[in-house]
PDB file of N, CA and C in Angstrom:
ATOM      1  N   UNK A   1      95.985  90.993  99.185  1.00  0.00           N
ATOM      2  CA  UNK A   1      96.118  92.363  98.720  1.00  0.00           C
ATOM      3  C   UNK A   1      97.540  92.611  98.210  1.00  0.00           C
ATOM      4  N   UNK A   2      98.511  92.171  98.973  1.00  0.00           N
ATOM      5  CA  UNK A   2      99.901  92.343  98.572  1.00  0.00           C
ATOM      6  C   UNK A   2     100.181  91.577  97.273  1.00  0.00           C
ATOM      7  N   UNK A   3      99.628  90.367  97.180  1.00  0.00           N
ATOM      8  CA  UNK A   3      99.844  89.553  95.986  1.00  0.00           C
ATOM      9  C   UNK A   3      99.232  90.208  94.744  1.00  0.00           C
ATOM     10  N   UNK A   4      98.079  90.837  94.906  1.00  0.00           N
ATOM     11  CA  UNK A   4      97.445  91.528  93.783  1.00  0.00           C
ATOM     12  C   UNK A   4      98.347  92.658  93.295  1.00  0.00           C
ATOM     13  N   UNK A   5      98.899  93.423  94.230  1.00  0.00           N
ATOM     14  CA  UNK A   5      99.795  94.518  93.861  1.00  0.00           C
ATOM     15  C   UNK A   5     101.035  94.038  93.139  1.00  0.00           C
ATOM     16  N   UNK A   6     101.633  92.954  93.632  1.00  0.00           N
ATOM     17  CA  UNK A   6     102.839  92.414  92.994  1.00  0.00           C
ATOM     18  C   UNK A   6     102.508  91.891  91.596  1.00  0.00           C
ATOM     19  N   UNK A   7     101.357  91.244  91.454  1.00  0.00           N
ATOM     20  CA  UNK A   7     100.940  90.754  90.139  1.00  0.00           C
ATOM     21  C   UNK A   7     100.744  91.908  89.150  1.00  0.00           C
ATOM     22  N   UNK A   8     100.124  92.981  89.610  1.00  0.00           N
ATOM     23  CA  UNK A   8      99.907  94.148  88.738  1.00  0.00           C
ATOM     24  C   UNK A   8     101.241  94.776  88.342  1.00  0.00           C
ATOM     25  N   UNK A   9     102.168  94.875  89.290  1.00  0.00           N
ATOM     26  CA  UNK A   9     103.504  95.406  88.979  1.00  0.00           C
ATOM     27  C   UNK A   9     104.197  94.518  87.947  1.00  0.00           C
ATOM     28  N   UNK A  10     104.044  93.209  88.088  1.00  0.00           N
ATOM     29  CA  UNK A  10     104.658  92.275  87.131  1.00  0.00           C
ATOM     30  C   UNK A  10     104.106  92.453  85.726  1.00  0.00           C
ATOM     31  N   UNK A  11     102.792  92.593  85.612  1.00  0.00           N
ATOM     32  CA  UNK A  11     102.178  92.802  84.294  1.00  0.00           C
ATOM     33  C   UNK A  11     102.641  94.138  83.708  1.00  0.00           C
ATOM     34  N   UNK A  12     102.702  95.170  84.546  1.00  0.00           N
ATOM     35  CA  UNK A  12     103.167  96.470  84.066  1.00  0.00           C
ATOM     36  C   UNK A  12     104.616  96.430  83.603  1.00  0.00           C
ATOM     37  N   UNK A  13     105.465  95.747  84.360  1.00  0.00           N
ATOM     38  CA  UNK A  13     106.873  95.625  83.967  1.00  0.00           C
ATOM     39  C   UNK A  13     107.009  94.863  82.654  1.00  0.00           C
ATOM     40  N   UNK A  14     106.227  93.806  82.505  1.00  0.00           N
ATOM     41  CA  UNK A  14     106.218  93.046  81.260  1.00  0.00           C
ATOM     42  C   UNK A  14     105.816  93.946  80.097  1.00  0.00           C
ATOM     43  N   UNK A  15     104.819  94.814  80.326  1.00  0.00           N
ATOM     44  CA  UNK A  15     104.355  95.712  79.275  1.00  0.00           C
ATOM     45  C   UNK A  15     105.374  96.765  78.889  1.00  0.00           C
ATOM     46  N   UNK A  16     106.149  97.231  79.860  1.00  0.00           N
ATOM     47  CA  UNK A  16     107.190  98.208  79.544  1.00  0.00           C
ATOM     48  C   UNK A  16     108.297  97.550  78.738  1.00  0.00           C
ATOM     49  N   UNK A  17     108.666  96.329  79.110  1.00  0.00           N
ATOM     50  CA  UNK A  17     109.773  95.646  78.443  1.00  0.00           C
ATOM     51  C   UNK A  17     109.368  95.011  77.109  1.00  0.00           C
ATOM     52  N   UNK A  18     108.134  94.506  77.021  1.00  0.00           N
ATOM     53  CA  UNK A  18     107.687  93.790  75.826  1.00  0.00           C
ATOM     54  C   UNK A  18     106.278  94.252  75.434  1.00  0.00           C
ATOM     55  N   UNK A  19     106.136  95.490  74.960  1.00  0.00           N
ATOM     56  CA  UNK A  19     104.792  96.032  74.694  1.00  0.00           C
ATOM     57  C   UNK A  19     104.043  95.318  73.569  1.00  0.00           C
ATOM     58  N   UNK A  20     104.737  94.841  72.552  1.00  0.00           N
ATOM     59  CA  UNK A  20     104.058  94.169  71.445  1.00  0.00           C
ATOM     60  C   UNK A  20     103.463  92.841  71.923  1.00  0.00           C
ATOM     61  N   UNK A  21     104.203  92.120  72.739  1.00  0.00           N
ATOM     62  CA  UNK A  21     103.710  90.848  73.274  1.00  0.00           C
ATOM     63  C   UNK A  21     102.519  91.087  74.195  1.00  0.00           C
ATOM     64  N   UNK A  22     102.596  92.113  75.029  1.00  0.00           N
ATOM     65  CA  UNK A  22     101.467  92.424  75.911  1.00  0.00           C
ATOM     66  C   UNK A  22     100.242  92.808  75.096  1.00  0.00           C
ATOM     67  N   UNK A  23     100.434  93.560  74.039  1.00  0.00           N
ATOM     68  CA  UNK A  23      99.314  93.938  73.165  1.00  0.00           C
ATOM     69  C   UNK A  23      98.659  92.699  72.573  1.00  0.00           C
ATOM     70  N   UNK A  24      99.473  91.730  72.143  1.00  0.00           N
ATOM     71  CA  UNK A  24      98.947  90.478  71.609  1.00  0.00           C
ATOM     72  C   UNK A  24      98.187  89.696  72.674  1.00  0.00           C
ATOM     73  N   UNK A  25      98.714  89.660  73.892  1.00  0.00           N
ATOM     74  CA  UNK A  25      98.044  88.961  74.987  1.00  0.00           C
ATOM     75  C   UNK A  25      96.719  89.628  75.348  1.00  0.00           C
ATOM     76  N   UNK A  26      96.686  90.961  75.318  1.00  0.00           N
ATOM     77  CA  UNK A  26      95.439  91.674  75.591  1.00  0.00           C
ATOM     78  C   UNK A  26      94.375  91.324  74.559  1.00  0.00           C
ATOM     79  N   UNK A  27      94.774  91.278  73.303  1.00  0.00           N
ATOM     80  CA  UNK A  27      93.815  90.940  72.249  1.00  0.00           C
ATOM     81  C   UNK A  27      93.334  89.497  72.410  1.00  0.00           C
ATOM     82  N   UNK A  28      94.227  88.592  72.781  1.00  0.00           N
ATOM     83  CA  UNK A  28      93.842  87.188  72.966  1.00  0.00           C
ATOM     84  C   UNK A  28      92.906  87.022  74.157  1.00  0.00           C
ATOM     85  N   UNK A  29      93.088  87.837  75.179  1.00  0.00           N
ATOM     86  CA  UNK A  29      92.249  87.752  76.378  1.00  0.00           C
ATOM     87  C   UNK A  29      90.815  88.165  76.086  1.00  0.00           C
ATOM     88  N   UNK A  30      90.606  88.929  75.054  1.00  0.00           N
ATOM     89  CA  UNK A  30      89.271  89.429  74.740  1.00  0.00           C
ATOM     90  C   UNK A  30      88.527  88.533  73.751  1.00  0.00           C
ATOM     91  N   UNK A  31      89.005  87.314  73.527  1.00  0.00           N
ATOM     92  CA  UNK A  31      88.296  86.355  72.681  1.00  0.00           C
ATOM     93  C   UNK A  31      86.981  85.971  73.356  1.00  0.00           C
ATOM     94  N   UNK A  32      85.943  85.660  72.595  1.00  0.00           N
ATOM     95  CA  UNK A  32      84.649  85.319  73.198  1.00  0.00           C
ATOM     96  C   UNK A  32      84.715  84.184  74.221  1.00  0.00           C
ATOM     97  N   UNK A  33      85.575  83.192  73.995  1.00  0.00           N
ATOM     98  CA  UNK A  33      85.655  82.077  74.943  1.00  0.00           C
ATOM     99  C   UNK A  33      86.335  82.472  76.251  1.00  0.00           C
ATOM    100  N   UNK A  34      87.070  83.570  76.244  1.00  0.00           N
ATOM    101  CA  UNK A  34      87.770  84.023  77.445  1.00  0.00           C
ATOM    102  C   UNK A  34      86.937  84.993  78.283  1.00  0.00           C
ATOM    103  N   UNK A  35      85.871  85.532  77.731  1.00  0.00           N
ATOM    104  CA  UNK A  35      85.101  86.555  78.432  1.00  0.00           C
ATOM    105  C   UNK A  35      84.499  86.079  79.753  1.00  0.00           C
ATOM    106  N   UNK A  36      83.952  84.862  79.843  1.00  0.00           N
ATOM    107  CA  UNK A  36      83.462  84.428  81.162  1.00  0.00           C
ATOM    108  C   UNK A  36      84.578  84.349  82.205  1.00  0.00           C
ATOM    109  N   UNK A  37      85.750  83.898  81.798  1.00  0.00           N
ATOM    110  CA  UNK A  37      86.896  83.843  82.723  1.00  0.00           C
ATOM    111  C   UNK A  37      87.328  85.240  83.136  1.00  0.00           C
ATOM    112  N   UNK A  38      87.320  86.158  82.185  1.00  0.00           N
ATOM    113  CA  UNK A  38      87.673  87.547  82.480  1.00  0.00           C
ATOM    114  C   UNK A  38      86.685  88.156  83.460  1.00  0.00           C
ATOM    115  N   UNK A  39      85.413  87.892  83.260  1.00  0.00           N
ATOM    116  CA  UNK A  39      84.381  88.401  84.157  1.00  0.00           C
ATOM    117  C   UNK A  39      84.581  87.857  85.575  1.00  0.00           C
ATOM    118  N   UNK A  40      84.813  86.563  85.691  1.00  0.00           N
ATOM    119  CA  UNK A  40      85.011  85.950  87.012  1.00  0.00           C
ATOM    120  C   UNK A  40      86.277  86.488  87.675  1.00  0.00           C
ATOM    121  N   UNK A  41      87.351  86.617  86.927  1.00  0.00           N
ATOM    122  CA  UNK A  41      88.599  87.131  87.492  1.00  0.00           C
ATOM    123  C   UNK A  41      88.424  88.558  87.999  1.00  0.00           C
ATOM    124  N   UNK A  42      87.755  89.403  87.230  1.00  0.00           N
ATOM    125  CA  UNK A  42      87.535  90.781  87.667  1.00  0.00           C
ATOM    126  C   UNK A  42      86.639  90.835  88.900  1.00  0.00           C
ATOM    127  N   UNK A  43      85.611  89.995  88.926  1.00  0.00           N
ATOM    128  CA  UNK A  43      84.748  89.956  90.110  1.00  0.00           C
ATOM    129  C   UNK A  43      85.523  89.521  91.349  1.00  0.00           C
ATOM    130  N   UNK A  44      86.371  88.511  91.199  1.00  0.00           N
ATOM    131  CA  UNK A  44      87.145  88.030  92.341  1.00  0.00           C
ATOM    132  C   UNK A  44      88.146  89.071  92.841  1.00  0.00           C
ATOM    133  N   UNK A  45      88.876  89.676  91.919  1.00  0.00           N
ATOM    134  CA  UNK A  45      89.873  90.674  92.311  1.00  0.00           C
ATOM    135  C   UNK A  45      89.192  91.899  92.926  1.00  0.00           C
ATOM    136  N   UNK A  46      88.142  92.383  92.299  1.00  0.00           N
ATOM    137  CA  UNK A  46      87.433  93.543  92.829  1.00  0.00           C
ATOM    138  C   UNK A  46      86.828  93.260  94.191  1.00  0.00           C
ATOM    139  N   UNK A  47      86.223  92.093  94.349  1.00  0.00           N
ATOM    140  CA  UNK A  47      85.640  91.720  95.648  1.00  0.00           C
ATOM    141  C   UNK A  47      86.717  91.573  96.707  1.00  0.00           C
ATOM    142  N   UNK A  48      87.857  90.988  96.338  1.00  0.00           N
ATOM    143  CA  UNK A  48      88.958  90.848  97.290  1.00  0.00           C
ATOM    144  C   UNK A  48      89.452  92.215  97.757  1.00  0.00           C
ATOM    145  N   UNK A  49      89.518  93.165  96.847  1.00  0.00           N
ATOM    146  CA  UNK A  49      89.953  94.512  97.237  1.00  0.00           C
ATOM    147  C   UNK A  49      88.941  95.176  98.167  1.00  0.00           C
ATOM    148  N   UNK A  50      87.660  95.017  97.869  1.00  0.00           N
ATOM    149  CA  UNK A  50      86.625  95.621  98.718  1.00  0.00           C
ATOM    150  C   UNK A  50      86.666  95.007 100.113  1.00  0.00           C
ATOM    151  N   UNK A  51      86.803  93.687 100.182  1.00  0.00           N
ATOM    152  CA  UNK A  51      86.819  93.005 101.478  1.00  0.00           C
ATOM    153  C   UNK A  51      88.088  93.358 102.271  1.00  0.00           C
ATOM    154  N   UNK A  52      89.230  93.420 101.595  1.00  0.00           N
ATOM    155  CA  UNK A  52      90.497  93.674 102.277  1.00  0.00           C
ATOM    156  C   UNK A  52      90.750  95.155 102.544  1.00  0.00           C
ATOM    157  N   UNK A  53      89.891  96.022 102.080  1.00  0.00           N
ATOM    158  CA  UNK A  53      90.131  97.463 102.190  1.00  0.00           C
ATOM    159  C   UNK A  53      90.292  97.921 103.635  1.00  0.00           C
ATOM    160  N   UNK A  54      89.551  97.332 104.546  1.00  0.00           N
ATOM    161  CA  UNK A  54      89.633  97.746 105.942  1.00  0.00           C
ATOM    162  C   UNK A  54      90.980  97.497 106.580  1.00  0.00           C
ATOM    163  N   UNK A  55      91.769  96.608 106.025  1.00  0.00           N
ATOM    164  CA  UNK A  55      93.081  96.258 106.577  1.00  0.00           C
ATOM    165  C   UNK A  55      94.213  97.109 105.995  1.00  0.00           C
ATOM    166  N   UNK A  56      93.901  98.041 105.117  1.00  0.00           N
ATOM    167  CA  UNK A  56      94.935  98.797 104.423  1.00  0.00           C
ATOM    168  C   UNK A  56      95.105 100.196 105.021  1.00  0.00           C
ATOM    169  N   UNK A  57      96.127 100.887 104.553  1.00  0.00           N
ATOM    170  CA  UNK A  57      96.382 102.267 104.989  1.00  0.00           C
ATOM    171  C   UNK A  57      95.373 103.246 104.392  1.00  0.00           C
ATOM    172  N   UNK A  58      94.804 102.907 103.257  1.00  0.00           N
ATOM    173  CA  UNK A  58      93.873 103.781 102.551  1.00  0.00           C
ATOM    174  C   UNK A  58      92.588 103.011 102.227  1.00  0.00           C
ATOM    175  N   UNK A  59      91.770 102.711 103.237  1.00  0.00           N
ATOM    176  CA  UNK A  59      90.608 101.850 102.988  1.00  0.00           C
ATOM    177  C   UNK A  59      89.612 102.436 101.985  1.00  0.00           C
ATOM    178  N   UNK A  60      89.395 103.724 102.021  1.00  0.00           N
ATOM    179  CA  UNK A  60      88.442 104.336 101.097  1.00  0.00           C
ATOM    180  C   UNK A  60      88.890 104.208  99.654  1.00  0.00           C
ATOM    181  N   UNK A  61      90.149 104.502  99.385  1.00  0.00           N
ATOM    182  CA  UNK A  61      90.670 104.435  98.015  1.00  0.00           C
ATOM    183  C   UNK A  61      90.670 102.998  97.502  1.00  0.00           C
ATOM    184  N   UNK A  62      91.064 102.062  98.345  1.00  0.00           N
ATOM    185  CA  UNK A  62      91.105 100.660  97.916  1.00  0.00           C
ATOM    186  C   UNK A  62      89.692 100.143  97.674  1.00  0.00           C
ATOM    187  N   UNK A  63      88.755 100.539  98.521  1.00  0.00           N
ATOM    188  CA  UNK A  63      87.362 100.121  98.350  1.00  0.00           C
ATOM    189  C   UNK A  63      86.800 100.666  97.028  1.00  0.00           C
ATOM    190  N   UNK A  64      87.101 101.917  96.720  1.00  0.00           N
ATOM    191  CA  UNK A  64      86.631 102.515  95.466  1.00  0.00           C
ATOM    192  C   UNK A  64      87.246 101.802  94.262  1.00  0.00           C
ATOM    193  N   UNK A  65      88.550 101.512  94.320  1.00  0.00           N
ATOM    194  CA  UNK A  65      89.204 100.809  93.212  1.00  0.00           C
ATOM    195  C   UNK A  65      88.606  99.418  93.028  1.00  0.00           C
ATOM    196  N   UNK A  66      88.328  98.737  94.122  1.00  0.00           N
ATOM    197  CA  UNK A  66      87.674  97.431  94.033  1.00  0.00           C
ATOM    198  C   UNK A  66      86.294  97.542  93.410  1.00  0.00           C
ATOM    199  N   UNK A  67      85.553  98.576  93.791  1.00  0.00           N
ATOM    200  CA  UNK A  67      84.233  98.799  93.212  1.00  0.00           C
ATOM    201  C   UNK A  67      84.293  99.087  91.725  1.00  0.00           C
ATOM    202  N   UNK A  68      85.301  99.825  91.314  1.00  0.00           N
ATOM    203  CA  UNK A  68      85.474 100.118  89.880  1.00  0.00           C
ATOM    204  C   UNK A  68      85.760  98.831  89.110  1.00  0.00           C
ATOM    205  N   UNK A  69      86.567  97.952  89.684  1.00  0.00           N
ATOM    206  CA  UNK A  69      86.883  96.687  89.017  1.00  0.00           C
ATOM    207  C   UNK A  69      85.634  95.810  88.922  1.00  0.00           C
ATOM    208  N   UNK A  70      84.823  95.766  89.986  1.00  0.00           N
ATOM    209  CA  UNK A  70      83.572  95.004  89.951  1.00  0.00           C
ATOM    210  C   UNK A  70      82.628  95.599  88.906  1.00  0.00           C
ATOM    211  N   UNK A  71      82.554  96.924  88.833  1.00  0.00           N
ATOM    212  CA  UNK A  71      81.704  97.565  87.825  1.00  0.00           C
ATOM    213  C   UNK A  71      82.195  97.257  86.415  1.00  0.00           C
ATOM    214  N   UNK A  72      83.515  97.204  86.225  1.00  0.00           N
ATOM    215  CA  UNK A  72      84.059  96.839  84.905  1.00  0.00           C
ATOM    216  C   UNK A  72      83.672  95.415  84.541  1.00  0.00           C
ATOM    217  N   UNK A  73      83.648  94.534  85.531  1.00  0.00           N
ATOM    218  CA  UNK A  73      83.216  93.152  85.275  1.00  0.00           C
ATOM    219  C   UNK A  73      81.750  93.118  84.881  1.00  0.00           C
ATOM    220  N   UNK A  74      80.946  93.910  85.550  1.00  0.00           N
ATOM    221  CA  UNK A  74      79.512  93.925  85.250  1.00  0.00           C
ATOM    222  C   UNK A  74      79.230  94.493  83.864  1.00  0.00           C
ATOM    223  N   UNK A  75      80.119  95.302  83.342  1.00  0.00           N
ATOM    224  CA  UNK A  75      79.915  95.904  82.027  1.00  0.00           C
ATOM    225  C   UNK A  75      80.223  94.954  80.870  1.00  0.00           C
ATOM    226  N   UNK A  76      80.921  93.854  81.131  1.00  0.00           N
ATOM    227  CA  UNK A  76      81.281  92.933  80.046  1.00  0.00           C
ATOM    228  C   UNK A  76      80.044  92.419  79.317  1.00  0.00           C
ATOM    229  N   UNK A  77      79.020  91.897  80.030  1.00  0.00           N
ATOM    230  CA  UNK A  77      77.833  91.445  79.284  1.00  0.00           C
ATOM    231  C   UNK A  77      77.044  92.596  78.656  1.00  0.00           C
ATOM    232  N   UNK A  78      77.106  93.769  79.268  1.00  0.00           N
ATOM    233  CA  UNK A  78      76.360  94.918  78.750  1.00  0.00           C
ATOM    234  C   UNK A  78      76.961  95.407  77.432  1.00  0.00           C
ATOM    235  N   UNK A  79      78.276  95.409  77.351  1.00  0.00           N
ATOM    236  CA  UNK A  79      78.960  95.896  76.154  1.00  0.00           C
ATOM    237  C   UNK A  79      78.629  95.019  74.951  1.00  0.00           C
ATOM    238  N   UNK A  80      78.656  93.717  75.132  1.00  0.00           N
ATOM    239  CA  UNK A  80      78.299  92.794  74.053  1.00  0.00           C
ATOM    240  C   UNK A  80      79.484  92.343  73.226  1.00  0.00           C
ATOM    241  N   UNK A  81      79.303  91.224  72.557  1.00  0.00           N
ATOM    242  CA  UNK A  81      80.383  90.602  71.795  1.00  0.00           C
ATOM    243  C   UNK A  81      80.842  91.437  70.605  1.00  0.00           C
ATOM    244  N   UNK A  82      79.918  92.121  69.935  1.00  0.00           N
ATOM    245  CA  UNK A  82      80.301  92.899  68.747  1.00  0.00           C
ATOM    246  C   UNK A  82      81.242  94.040  69.121  1.00  0.00           C
ATOM    247  N   UNK A  83      80.927  94.755  70.177  1.00  0.00           N
ATOM    248  CA  UNK A  83      81.800  95.870  70.589  1.00  0.00           C
ATOM    249  C   UNK A  83      83.122  95.361  71.134  1.00  0.00           C
ATOM    250  N   UNK A  84      83.074  94.250  71.863  1.00  0.00           N
ATOM    251  CA  UNK A  84      84.317  93.686  72.386  1.00  0.00           C
ATOM    252  C   UNK A  84      85.206  93.216  71.236  1.00  0.00           C
ATOM    253  N   UNK A  85      84.611  92.634  70.190  1.00  0.00           N
ATOM    254  CA  UNK A  85      85.388  92.223  69.011  1.00  0.00           C
ATOM    255  C   UNK A  85      86.012  93.439  68.328  1.00  0.00           C
ATOM    256  N   UNK A  86      85.289  94.534  68.264  1.00  0.00           N
ATOM    257  CA  UNK A  86      85.837  95.763  67.665  1.00  0.00           C
ATOM    258  C   UNK A  86      86.989  96.305  68.510  1.00  0.00           C
ATOM    259  N   UNK A  87      86.842  96.262  69.834  1.00  0.00           N
ATOM    260  CA  UNK A  87      87.933  96.708  70.713  1.00  0.00           C
ATOM    261  C   UNK A  87      89.153  95.802  70.557  1.00  0.00           C
ATOM    262  N   UNK A  88      88.926  94.494  70.454  1.00  0.00           N
ATOM    263  CA  UNK A  88      90.024  93.541  70.275  1.00  0.00           C
ATOM    264  C   UNK A  88      90.786  93.853  68.987  1.00  0.00           C
ATOM    265  N   UNK A  89      90.054  94.128  67.920  1.00  0.00           N
ATOM    266  CA  UNK A  89      90.688  94.448  66.643  1.00  0.00           C
ATOM    267  C   UNK A  89      91.499  95.738  66.740  1.00  0.00           C
ATOM    268  N   UNK A  90      90.935  96.739  67.406  1.00  0.00           N
ATOM    269  CA  UNK A  90      91.632  98.013  67.577  1.00  0.00           C
ATOM    270  C   UNK A  90      92.909  97.834  68.396  1.00  0.00           C
ATOM    271  N   UNK A  91      92.838  97.025  69.454  1.00  0.00           N
ATOM    272  CA  UNK A  91      94.007  96.800  70.299  1.00  0.00           C
ATOM    273  C   UNK A  91      95.084  96.047  69.526  1.00  0.00           C
ATOM    274  N   UNK A  92      94.702  94.995  68.814  1.00  0.00           N
ATOM    275  CA  UNK A  92      95.706  94.142  68.174  1.00  0.00           C
ATOM    276  C   UNK A  92      96.360  94.798  66.961  1.00  0.00           C
ATOM    277  N   UNK A  93      95.688  95.723  66.305  1.00  0.00           N
ATOM    278  CA  UNK A  93      96.267  96.304  65.091  1.00  0.00           C
ATOM    279  C   UNK A  93      96.647  97.771  65.218  1.00  0.00           C
ATOM    280  N   UNK A  94      95.873  98.544  65.967  1.00  0.00           N
ATOM    281  CA  UNK A  94      96.084  99.977  65.910  1.00  0.00           C
ATOM    282  C   UNK A  94      96.616 100.639  67.165  1.00  0.00           C
ATOM    283  N   UNK A  95      96.896  99.876  68.199  1.00  0.00           N
ATOM    284  CA  UNK A  95      97.354 100.480  69.449  1.00  0.00           C
ATOM    285  C   UNK A  95      98.863 100.695  69.386  1.00  0.00           C
ATOM    286  N   UNK A  96      99.314 101.951  69.389  1.00  0.00           N
ATOM    287  CA  UNK A  96     100.755 102.209  69.296  1.00  0.00           C
ATOM    288  C   UNK A  96     101.513 101.670  70.518  1.00  0.00           C
ATOM    289  N   UNK A  97     102.755 101.304  70.279  1.00  0.00           N
ATOM    290  CA  UNK A  97     103.596 100.752  71.335  1.00  0.00           C
ATOM    291  C   UNK A  97     103.762 101.756  72.474  1.00  0.00           C
ATOM    292  N   UNK A  98     103.844 103.026  72.156  1.00  0.00           N
ATOM    293  CA  UNK A  98     103.997 104.052  73.189  1.00  0.00           C
ATOM    294  C   UNK A  98     102.809 104.086  74.139  1.00  0.00           C
ATOM    295  N   UNK A  99     101.607 103.914  73.616  1.00  0.00           N
ATOM    296  CA  UNK A  99     100.405 103.887  74.454  1.00  0.00           C
ATOM    297  C   UNK A  99     100.433 102.669  75.377  1.00  0.00           C
ATOM    298  N   UNK A 100     100.885 101.529  74.846  1.00  0.00           N
ATOM    299  CA  UNK A 100     100.984 100.323  75.669  1.00  0.00           C
ATOM    300  C   UNK A 100     101.970 100.552  76.811  1.00  0.00           C
ATOM    301  N   UNK A 101     103.092 101.187  76.515  1.00  0.00           N
ATOM    302  CA  UNK A 101     104.094 101.449  77.557  1.00  0.00           C
ATOM    303  C   UNK A 101     103.570 102.429  78.607  1.00  0.00           C
ATOM    304  N   UNK A 102     102.855 103.447  78.187  1.00  0.00           N
ATOM    305  CA  UNK A 102     102.274 104.395  79.157  1.00  0.00           C
ATOM    306  C   UNK A 102     101.255 103.678  80.039  1.00  0.00           C
ATOM    307  N   UNK A 103     100.426 102.846  79.451  1.00  0.00           N
ATOM    308  CA  UNK A 103      99.480 102.063  80.234  1.00  0.00           C
ATOM    309  C   UNK A 103     100.185 101.126  81.198  1.00  0.00           C
ATOM    310  N   UNK A 104     101.291 100.531  80.755  1.00  0.00           N
ATOM    311  CA  UNK A 104     102.061  99.643  81.616  1.00  0.00           C
ATOM    312  C   UNK A 104     102.681 100.412  82.782  1.00  0.00           C
ATOM    313  N   UNK A 105     103.143 101.629  82.531  1.00  0.00           N
ATOM    314  CA  UNK A 105     103.671 102.457  83.623  1.00  0.00           C
ATOM    315  C   UNK A 105     102.571 102.797  84.625  1.00  0.00           C
ATOM    316  N   UNK A 106     101.372 103.049  84.121  1.00  0.00           N
ATOM    317  CA  UNK A 106     100.230 103.281  85.003  1.00  0.00           C
ATOM    318  C   UNK A 106      99.976 102.055  85.873  1.00  0.00           C
ATOM    319  N   UNK A 107     100.046 100.852  85.284  1.00  0.00           N
ATOM    320  CA  UNK A 107      99.861  99.627  86.054  1.00  0.00           C
ATOM    321  C   UNK A 107     100.919  99.486  87.141  1.00  0.00           C
ATOM    322  N   UNK A 108     102.153  99.833  86.834  1.00  0.00           N
ATOM    323  CA  UNK A 108     103.204  99.775  87.845  1.00  0.00           C
ATOM    324  C   UNK A 108     102.874 100.717  88.999  1.00  0.00           C
ATOM    325  N   UNK A 109     102.363 101.896  88.690  1.00  0.00           N
ATOM    326  CA  UNK A 109     101.967 102.839  89.737  1.00  0.00           C
ATOM    327  C   UNK A 109     100.819 102.324  90.591  1.00  0.00           C
ATOM    328  N   UNK A 110      99.806 101.747  89.958  1.00  0.00           N
ATOM    329  CA  UNK A 110      98.661 101.209  90.699  1.00  0.00           C
ATOM    330  C   UNK A 110      99.103 100.041  91.566  1.00  0.00           C
ATOM    331  N   UNK A 111      99.908  99.143  91.002  1.00  0.00           N
ATOM    332  CA  UNK A 111     100.407  98.011  91.775  1.00  0.00           C
ATOM    333  C   UNK A 111     101.256  98.456  92.947  1.00  0.00           C
ATOM    334  N   UNK A 112     102.083  99.471  92.732  1.00  0.00           N
ATOM    335  CA  UNK A 112     102.904 100.010  93.822  1.00  0.00           C
ATOM    336  C   UNK A 112     102.032 100.614  94.918  1.00  0.00           C
ATOM    337  N   UNK A 113     100.952 101.273  94.532  1.00  0.00           N
ATOM    338  CA  UNK A 113     100.024 101.809  95.516  1.00  0.00           C
ATOM    339  C   UNK A 113      99.422 100.684  96.360  1.00  0.00           C
ATOM    340  N   UNK A 114      98.994  99.602  95.699  1.00  0.00           N
ATOM    341  CA  UNK A 114      98.421  98.472  96.435  1.00  0.00           C
ATOM    342  C   UNK A 114      99.426  97.847  97.402  1.00  0.00           C
ATOM    343  N   UNK A 115     100.674  97.701  96.938  1.00  0.00           N
ATOM    344  CA  UNK A 115     101.706  97.131  97.809  1.00  0.00           C
ATOM    345  C   UNK A 115     101.938  98.057  99.005  1.00  0.00           C
ATOM    346  N   UNK A 116     102.053  99.346  98.773  1.00  0.00           N
ATOM    347  CA  UNK A 116     102.260 100.300  99.859  1.00  0.00           C
ATOM    348  C   UNK A 116     101.062 100.312 100.823  1.00  0.00           C
ATOM    349  N   UNK A 117      99.864 100.284 100.276  1.00  0.00           N
ATOM    350  CA  UNK A 117      98.671 100.314 101.114  1.00  0.00           C
ATOM    351  C   UNK A 117      98.547  99.051 101.959  1.00  0.00           C
ATOM    352  N   UNK A 118      99.056  97.926 101.465  1.00  0.00           N
ATOM    353  CA  UNK A 118      98.933  96.665 102.187  1.00  0.00           C
ATOM    354  C   UNK A 118      99.998  96.516 103.277  1.00  0.00           C
ATOM    355  N   UNK A 119     101.077  97.235 103.165  1.00  0.00           N
ATOM    356  CA  UNK A 119     102.173  97.067 104.139  1.00  0.00           C
ATOM    357  C   UNK A 119     101.943  97.845 105.403  1.00  0.00           C
TER     358      UNK A 119
END
C-alpha cells in the first residue's frame, strides 16, 4: 500500500515537472499492444488496495478507490479499440500542458492520501 502511494506521487511529480513527456507516455501506454498489460496492472493495483484496505486508517475510502480502479480495468474491453485510439489521439495532440499539470497535482494528492492511510 505504501509503495503504491509512493509510486503515484512519483508519477505525479514527474507530470508536474515534465508534462509534455508524461503526455507522450500516456499516449504510448494506450497502444493496442499495451492494453492487456494495462488491464492486468489495474486489476492488480485495485485488488491490492481492496485487500489491504483493512490495514489502513481509512478502510472504506481505500476499498472504494480500489473498486474504482478494478472497474476502470473492466471497462477497457468494453470501451473498445476504436474509442481508445481516439482517446490516445486526443491526449497526444490536444491535451494542454496545464491540464496535464493539474492531473499530476491530483495524482500527488491521491498518492499522499495512500501514504498517510498506510502509515
